[in-house]
Protein backbone atom coordinates (compact mmCIF):
# COMPACT_ATOMS: atom_id res chain seq x y z
CA MET A 1 -0.16 0.32 0.16
CA THR A 2 3.26 2.31 -0.19
CA GLN A 3 1.28 3.87 -3.44
CA TYR A 4 -1.01 5.81 -1.04
CA ILE A 5 1.77 6.47 1.73
CA ALA A 6 3.16 8.44 -1.03
CA HIS A 7 -0.01 10.01 -1.76
CA MET A 8 -0.57 11.06 1.42
CA ALA A 9 2.98 12.12 2.05
CA SER A 10 2.44 14.50 -1.06
CA LEU A 11 -0.75 16.09 0.30
CA SER A 12 -0.11 16.25 4.21
CA LEU A 13 3.69 16.53 5.38
CA ILE A 14 2.42 18.18 8.58
CA ALA A 15 -0.54 16.00 9.35
CA LEU A 16 2.08 12.74 8.73
CA LEU A 17 4.45 13.87 11.31
CA THR A 18 2.12 14.76 13.82
CA ALA A 19 1.35 11.96 16.33
CA CYS A 20 -2.42 12.10 16.83
CA GLY A 21 -2.90 8.58 18.00
CA SER A 22 -6.17 6.84 19.36
CA GLU A 23 -7.08 6.73 22.78
CA LYS A 24 -4.26 4.72 24.41
CA SER A 25 -5.04 0.73 25.63
CA THR A 26 -2.88 -2.05 26.09
CA VAL A 27 -4.26 -4.93 24.48
CA SER A 28 -1.32 -6.51 23.01
CA ASP A 29 2.48 -7.28 23.63
CA HIS A 30 3.25 -5.94 20.26
CA GLN A 31 1.39 -2.49 21.11
CA ASP A 32 3.04 0.35 23.26
CA GLY A 33 -0.37 1.68 24.46
CA ASN A 34 -1.37 3.37 21.24
CA ARG A 35 0.58 1.95 18.03
CA PHE A 36 1.22 -1.87 17.09
CA PHE A 37 4.62 -2.44 16.20
CA ASN A 38 6.84 -4.95 14.60
CA THR A 39 10.23 -5.84 16.02
CA PRO A 40 12.67 -4.55 14.72
CA PRO A 41 10.44 -1.64 13.45
CA VAL A 42 9.42 -1.35 9.80
CA ASN A 43 10.87 2.10 8.80
CA VAL A 44 9.10 3.54 6.08
CA GLY A 45 8.92 7.57 7.50
CA PHE A 46 7.89 10.59 5.55
CA TRP A 47 11.33 11.28 3.98
CA SER A 48 11.91 7.42 2.54
CA VAL A 49 8.70 8.12 0.86
CA LEU A 50 9.55 11.43 -0.20
CA LYS A 51 12.80 9.98 -1.73
CA TRP A 52 11.16 7.10 -3.38
CA ASN A 53 8.89 9.63 -5.64
CA PHE A 54 11.83 11.38 -6.57
CA THR A 55 13.71 8.79 -7.98
CA ARG A 56 11.35 6.41 -8.95
CA LYS A 57 12.06 4.45 -12.11
CA LYS A 58 8.64 3.05 -13.52
CA HIS A 59 8.98 0.04 -15.48
CA PRO A 60 6.37 -0.65 -18.48
CA TRP A 61 2.77 -1.43 -17.63
CA PRO A 62 -0.28 -1.85 -20.40
CA ASP A 63 -2.76 0.71 -20.58
CA SER A 64 -5.10 -1.85 -19.64
CA VAL A 65 -5.14 -5.83 -19.08
CA PRO A 66 -7.79 -8.10 -20.85
CA VAL A 67 -9.35 -10.38 -18.22
CA ASP A 68 -11.82 -13.27 -19.10
CA THR A 69 -14.25 -13.54 -15.95
CA VAL A 70 -15.17 -16.78 -14.59
CA VAL A 71 -18.22 -18.23 -12.62
CA PRO A 72 -17.25 -20.15 -9.49
CA PRO A 73 -19.06 -23.17 -8.31
CA LEU A 74 -21.52 -22.42 -5.75
CA SER A 75 -19.47 -24.99 -3.73
CA VAL A 76 -17.01 -28.00 -3.91
CA ALA A 77 -17.72 -31.28 -2.54
CA SER A 78 -14.18 -32.06 -1.55
CA GLY A 79 -10.84 -30.86 -2.13
CA MET A 80 -9.58 -27.22 -2.31
CA ARG A 81 -9.83 -24.96 -4.85
CA ALA A 82 -8.57 -21.37 -4.76
CA THR A 83 -9.46 -19.15 -7.55
CA TRP A 84 -7.52 -15.70 -8.39
CA VAL A 85 -9.75 -12.86 -8.63
CA GLY A 86 -7.23 -10.42 -8.92
CA HIS A 87 -4.64 -8.45 -6.63
CA ALA A 88 -4.60 -10.31 -3.37
CA THR A 89 -8.62 -10.99 -3.45
CA VAL A 90 -8.98 -14.86 -3.39
CA LEU A 91 -11.78 -16.83 -3.66
CA VAL A 92 -10.75 -20.06 -1.20
CA GLN A 93 -13.43 -23.03 -1.32
CA THR A 94 -13.12 -26.21 1.06
CA PRO A 95 -16.25 -28.74 1.39
CA GLY A 96 -18.64 -26.64 3.91
CA ASN A 97 -16.48 -23.16 3.21
CA ASN A 98 -16.49 -20.24 0.84
CA LEU A 99 -13.87 -17.81 2.04
CA LEU A 100 -12.84 -14.61 0.87
CA VAL A 101 -9.40 -12.98 1.32
CA ASP A 102 -9.17 -9.14 0.89
CA PRO A 103 -11.81 -8.42 -1.32
CA VAL A 104 -11.24 -5.38 -3.76
CA TRP A 105 -13.97 -4.97 -6.63
CA SER A 106 -13.39 -1.02 -6.66
CA LYS A 107 -12.34 0.35 -9.86
CA ARG A 108 -9.39 2.51 -7.96
CA ILE A 109 -8.19 1.96 -4.27
CA GLY A 110 -8.19 5.17 -2.08
CA PRO A 111 -10.09 7.18 0.68
CA TRP A 112 -12.46 8.36 -2.08
CA SER A 113 -13.74 6.51 -5.34
CA TRP A 114 -12.15 9.06 -7.88
CA ALA A 115 -8.67 9.11 -6.02
CA GLY A 116 -5.88 6.19 -6.00
CA PRO A 117 -4.10 4.15 -7.92
CA LYS A 118 -6.80 3.20 -10.46
CA ARG A 119 -7.12 -0.81 -11.73
CA TYR A 120 -5.86 -2.02 -14.41
CA SER A 121 -7.43 -5.27 -14.44
CA ARG A 122 -11.03 -6.26 -13.75
CA PRO A 123 -11.93 -8.87 -11.27
CA ALA A 124 -12.02 -12.04 -12.88
CA VAL A 125 -14.95 -12.72 -11.02
CA GLU A 126 -18.05 -10.83 -11.11
CA PHE A 127 -19.59 -9.80 -7.92
CA GLN A 128 -22.94 -11.03 -8.55
CA ASP A 129 -21.30 -14.54 -9.56
CA LEU A 130 -20.13 -14.66 -6.38
CA PRO A 131 -21.48 -18.08 -4.17
CA ARG A 132 -22.71 -17.55 -1.09
CA ILE A 133 -19.26 -16.12 1.25
CA ASP A 134 -18.74 -17.92 4.57
CA ALA A 135 -16.42 -15.74 6.18
CA VAL A 136 -14.53 -12.79 4.77
CA LEU A 137 -10.82 -12.24 5.94
CA VAL A 138 -9.15 -9.13 5.48
CA SER A 139 -5.33 -8.91 6.48
CA HIS A 140 -5.05 -5.44 7.52
CA ASP A 141 -6.02 -1.66 6.84
CA HIS A 142 -4.47 -0.62 3.21
CA TYR A 143 -6.80 0.49 0.74
CA ASP A 144 -5.93 -2.45 -1.74
CA HIS A 145 -6.90 -4.83 0.72
CA CYS A 146 -9.59 -3.36 2.85
CA ASP A 147 -12.00 -1.61 0.13
CA MET A 148 -15.03 -0.40 2.12
CA PRO A 149 -17.45 -0.23 -0.79
CA THR A 150 -16.50 -3.97 -1.41
CA LEU A 151 -16.93 -4.99 2.43
CA GLU A 152 -20.14 -2.93 2.84
CA ARG A 153 -21.96 -4.59 -0.40
CA LEU A 154 -20.29 -8.15 0.94
CA ALA A 155 -22.06 -7.47 4.70
CA LYS A 156 -25.56 -6.57 2.59
CA GLU A 157 -25.57 -9.67 -0.14
CA ARG A 158 -22.89 -12.22 0.52
CA SER A 159 -21.92 -12.41 4.34
CA ARG A 160 -22.69 -12.37 7.60
CA LEU A 161 -19.01 -13.08 9.36
CA GLY A 162 -15.83 -11.08 8.86
CA ILE A 163 -12.44 -11.69 10.63
CA ALA A 164 -9.55 -9.42 10.69
CA PRO A 165 -6.78 -8.13 13.01
CA LEU A 166 -7.19 -6.21 16.06
CA GLY A 167 -8.33 -2.42 14.95
CA THR A 168 -8.57 -3.36 11.12
CA ALA A 169 -11.73 -5.35 12.47
CA ASP A 170 -13.47 -2.10 13.55
CA LEU A 171 -13.86 -1.39 9.83
CA LEU A 172 -15.49 -4.67 8.81
CA LYS A 173 -17.99 -3.78 11.95
CA LYS A 174 -18.34 -0.32 10.14
CA ALA A 175 -18.74 -2.01 6.98
CA GLY A 176 -22.08 -4.03 8.12
CA PHE A 177 -21.12 -7.04 9.24
CA GLU A 178 -23.48 -8.99 11.43
CA LYS A 179 -20.45 -10.77 13.45
CA VAL A 180 -17.25 -9.66 13.46
CA VAL A 181 -14.27 -11.48 15.08
CA ALA A 182 -10.71 -9.41 15.98
CA LEU A 183 -7.79 -11.60 16.29
CA ASP A 184 -4.29 -11.10 17.79
CA TRP A 185 -1.46 -12.58 16.58
CA TRP A 186 -1.60 -16.57 17.19
CA GLU A 187 -4.86 -15.94 18.01
CA SER A 188 -7.69 -18.66 16.61
CA THR A 189 -11.68 -18.39 15.47
CA GLN A 190 -13.74 -21.42 14.90
CA LEU A 191 -15.68 -21.06 11.81
CA PRO A 192 -19.45 -22.47 11.59
CA SER A 193 -18.15 -25.36 9.91
CA GLY A 194 -15.94 -26.57 12.57
CA ASP A 195 -12.52 -25.30 10.94
CA THR A 196 -10.18 -22.37 12.66
CA VAL A 197 -8.67 -19.66 11.12
CA THR A 198 -5.66 -18.19 13.00
CA LEU A 199 -4.11 -14.58 12.41
CA VAL A 200 -0.34 -14.83 12.02
CA PRO A 201 2.48 -12.31 12.14
CA ALA A 202 3.20 -10.35 9.41
CA TYR A 203 6.08 -7.76 8.98
CA HIS A 204 4.07 -4.75 7.61
CA HIS A 205 2.36 -1.81 9.26
CA GLY A 206 -1.31 -0.29 8.96
CA LEU A 207 -2.03 2.94 7.64
CA ARG A 208 -5.58 4.66 6.01
CA TRP A 209 -5.06 8.42 7.09
CA PRO A 210 -1.57 10.38 7.94
CA TRP A 211 -2.61 10.08 11.58
CA ASP A 212 -3.82 6.53 12.13
CA ARG A 213 -0.63 4.97 11.36
CA ASN A 214 0.06 1.25 13.09
CA THR A 215 -3.28 1.86 15.07
CA ARG A 216 -4.64 -1.16 13.67
CA LEU A 217 -3.00 -4.38 13.58
CA TRP A 218 -1.74 -6.69 10.26
CA GLY A 219 -0.99 -9.71 9.87
CA GLY A 220 -1.23 -13.54 7.60
CA PHE A 221 -4.07 -16.25 7.96
CA VAL A 222 -4.02 -19.92 8.56
CA VAL A 223 -6.84 -21.65 7.93
CA LYS A 224 -7.26 -25.50 9.03
CA THR A 225 -9.55 -27.25 7.35
CA ALA A 226 -10.70 -31.27 6.77
CA ALA A 227 -9.20 -30.32 3.23
CA GLY A 228 -5.82 -29.19 3.89
CA VAL A 229 -4.50 -25.95 5.50
CA VAL A 230 -4.37 -22.60 3.55
CA TYR A 231 -1.83 -20.24 4.19
CA TYR A 232 -1.81 -16.47 2.96
CA PRO A 233 0.62 -13.64 4.61
CA GLY A 234 -1.01 -10.61 3.64
CA ASP A 235 1.20 -8.44 2.97
CA THR A 236 4.80 -8.14 4.44
CA GLY A 237 8.35 -8.02 3.96
CA ASP A 238 10.75 -10.98 4.69
CA GLY A 239 11.47 -12.07 8.54
CA PRO A 240 11.53 -14.88 11.36
CA HIS A 241 7.61 -15.34 10.99
CA PHE A 242 7.87 -17.73 8.13
CA ASP A 243 10.31 -19.93 10.12
CA GLN A 244 7.68 -19.40 12.86
CA ILE A 245 4.67 -20.04 11.16
CA GLY A 246 6.28 -23.26 9.69
CA ALA A 247 7.69 -24.62 13.09
CA ARG A 248 4.07 -24.16 14.96
CA ILE A 249 1.53 -24.83 12.18
CA GLY A 250 3.28 -26.12 9.21
CA PRO A 251 3.56 -27.90 6.77
CA ILE A 252 1.17 -25.84 4.80
CA ASP A 253 -0.86 -27.47 1.64
CA LEU A 254 -1.39 -24.59 -0.22
CA ALA A 255 0.14 -20.56 0.34
CA LEU A 256 -1.25 -17.88 -1.25
CA MET A 257 1.87 -15.78 -1.81
CA PRO A 258 2.48 -12.24 -2.43
CA ILE A 259 5.03 -11.48 -5.01
CA GLY A 260 4.55 -8.09 -6.40
CA ALA A 261 5.06 -4.42 -6.02
CA TYR A 262 8.95 -5.05 -4.67
CA LEU A 263 10.95 -2.60 -6.47
CA PRO A 264 12.96 -0.91 -5.68
CA ARG A 265 13.93 -3.13 -2.99
CA TRP A 266 15.88 -0.55 -1.13
CA PHE A 267 12.64 0.78 -0.07
CA MET A 268 9.73 -1.98 -0.60
CA HIS A 269 12.12 -4.55 0.94
CA PRO A 270 10.93 -3.79 4.95
CA GLN A 271 7.10 -4.66 3.39
CA HIS A 272 6.68 -6.67 0.42
CA ILE A 273 8.58 -9.51 -0.24
CA GLY A 274 9.62 -10.06 -3.74
CA PRO A 275 10.15 -13.47 -5.96
CA SER A 276 12.90 -14.22 -4.33
CA GLU A 277 11.66 -14.00 -0.75
CA ALA A 278 8.36 -15.58 -1.60
CA ILE A 279 10.19 -18.87 -2.82
CA SER A 280 12.13 -18.69 0.14
CA ALA A 281 9.21 -17.97 2.47
CA ALA A 282 7.46 -20.60 0.56
CA LYS A 283 9.90 -23.35 1.77
CA ARG A 284 10.13 -21.89 5.34
CA VAL A 285 6.50 -22.57 6.17
CA GLY A 286 6.58 -26.12 4.18
CA ALA A 287 4.26 -24.94 1.45
CA LYS A 288 3.39 -28.08 -0.44
CA VAL A 289 1.64 -25.76 -3.38
CA SER A 290 2.06 -22.28 -3.45
CA MET A 291 -0.18 -19.62 -6.12
CA ALA A 292 1.40 -16.27 -6.80
CA VAL A 293 -0.85 -12.98 -5.86
CA HIS A 294 -0.51 -9.46 -5.39
CA TRP A 295 0.55 -8.66 -9.15
CA GLY A 296 -1.17 -7.20 -11.92
CA ALA A 297 -3.98 -5.37 -11.17
CA PHE A 298 -2.80 -2.39 -9.22
CA ARG A 299 0.26 -0.47 -10.40
CA LEU A 300 1.67 -0.20 -6.63
CA ALA A 301 5.62 0.44 -7.13
CA ASP A 302 8.12 0.65 -9.62
CA ASP A 303 8.53 -3.19 -11.40
CA GLY A 304 6.75 -3.63 -14.27
CA PHE A 305 3.38 -5.76 -15.26
CA ARG A 306 4.73 -8.92 -15.75
CA GLU A 307 8.67 -8.26 -14.01
CA ALA A 308 7.26 -10.15 -10.83
CA PRO A 309 5.81 -13.75 -11.68
CA ASP A 310 8.27 -13.49 -14.80
CA SER A 311 11.43 -13.03 -12.67
CA LEU A 312 9.23 -15.48 -10.09
CA LYS A 313 9.25 -18.33 -13.09
CA ALA A 314 13.26 -17.34 -13.91
CA LEU A 315 14.49 -18.31 -10.05
CA LEU A 316 12.58 -21.30 -10.11
CA ALA A 317 14.05 -22.80 -12.99
CA ARG A 318 17.12 -22.17 -11.58
CA ASP A 319 16.19 -23.51 -8.26
CA PRO A 320 17.47 -27.58 -8.12
CA ALA A 321 15.26 -27.32 -4.97
CA ALA A 322 12.31 -25.24 -6.42
CA PRO A 323 9.12 -25.57 -4.87
CA ASP A 324 5.86 -25.94 -6.30
CA PHE A 325 5.03 -22.75 -6.91
CA ARG A 326 2.40 -21.83 -9.73
CA VAL A 327 1.81 -18.48 -11.41
CA VAL A 328 -1.68 -18.50 -12.79
CA ASP A 329 -3.84 -15.84 -14.74
CA MET A 330 -6.42 -13.96 -13.23
CA GLY A 331 -9.67 -16.07 -12.88
CA GLN A 332 -7.83 -19.54 -13.09
CA SER A 333 -7.68 -21.45 -9.94
CA VAL A 334 -5.20 -23.84 -8.37
CA GLU A 335 -6.93 -27.19 -7.07
CA LEU A 336 -6.04 -29.58 -4.63
CA SER A 337 -8.02 -33.00 -4.64
CA ASN A 338 -5.90 -34.71 -2.14
CA VAL A 339 -7.77 -34.84 1.70
CA PRO A 340 -4.94 -35.19 4.44
CA ASP A 341 -5.47 -36.06 7.97
CA VAL A 342 -5.97 -32.44 9.24
CA VAL A 343 -7.66 -32.18 12.81
CA VAL A 344 -9.86 -29.49 12.62
CA GLY A 345 -11.47 -27.48 15.29
CA ASP A 346 -8.12 -26.56 17.70
CA SER A 347 -7.03 -23.47 18.43
CA LEU A 348 -3.47 -22.31 19.36
CA THR A 349 -4.97 -19.70 21.75
CA ALA A 350 -8.20 -19.79 23.67
CA ASN A 351 -9.85 -15.82 23.75
CA ALA A 352 -10.82 -14.58 20.48
CA ARG A 353 -12.38 -11.39 20.52
CA GLU A 354 -16.04 -11.03 19.08
CA LEU A 355 -17.63 -8.20 18.84
CA ALA A 356 -21.20 -9.05 17.63
CA VAL A 357 -23.08 -5.96 15.48
CA ALA A 358 -26.65 -5.55 15.27
CA ARG A 359 -27.76 -4.68 11.81
């Protein structure tokens, strides 16, 4: 979401430098009583944003990207199916579950419908063709992952349940979800199907306005189902959390791994992994299969339209220990037919926070 940081930095230097935090309350060991933090901190300050904007070397993008839309099944009887809608939006279907990750259907991402980066490729699934959604998972508050118009429509037409990190869950509450579950890192909640969703650490930051930086938590999700284990990192830089996830939860059957918005590395590496780090992360979490996401829809950094997937393919071709890491077009799916011996319904921590919201 660095393009939004740059946009807001150019609009409001004074506001960005002003500490206007929310009401103090300590709810987590990675919160200082006001703002959440990584260890070590992600340093994406105003001056680095300014430097990036004055030294940018944008690699080519087409004027638009044609996408053939698909109609996903209403449900799946066995196995696991992940359909890439575009950017970080993925429809994950297992028996008993239709889960939607970081849904964005807007034509622009930003605080207003006319502001922010435009969409170069339309969503590969029309909104009206979505099946019933059992839960919406939102990883953090950046506009390219947490799109309020989309969330409001989902809450009204498709889903009752939203799950998000502490603070970020308040935005789902505002969007109108009937039930919202707020999680800290390593906390879990049980879906109506009996499967579990766990929020896991990510190395990133939160920001919607210059004054609310890191007042909402960020993270990734691990979904443990009878059909297998799915991992979505959200936005993240590289870090020891991948090893921790592999040790505590792995192996992972399917990882929805971000690869794009990664250049220039001097600026992006603390907050977005690139193709090389994505391969390393897939190995470290023990992913049996990975699918590349977070590229090709919004021009968020300096990498070209297909630079991330092309670089990923080249790196995999040279790696004698390359994992099963798949690049698919928007609208295509990765399907796993084997059903592993997975225990569902267990929880890494017992106290997930639930916010019941009356319509």
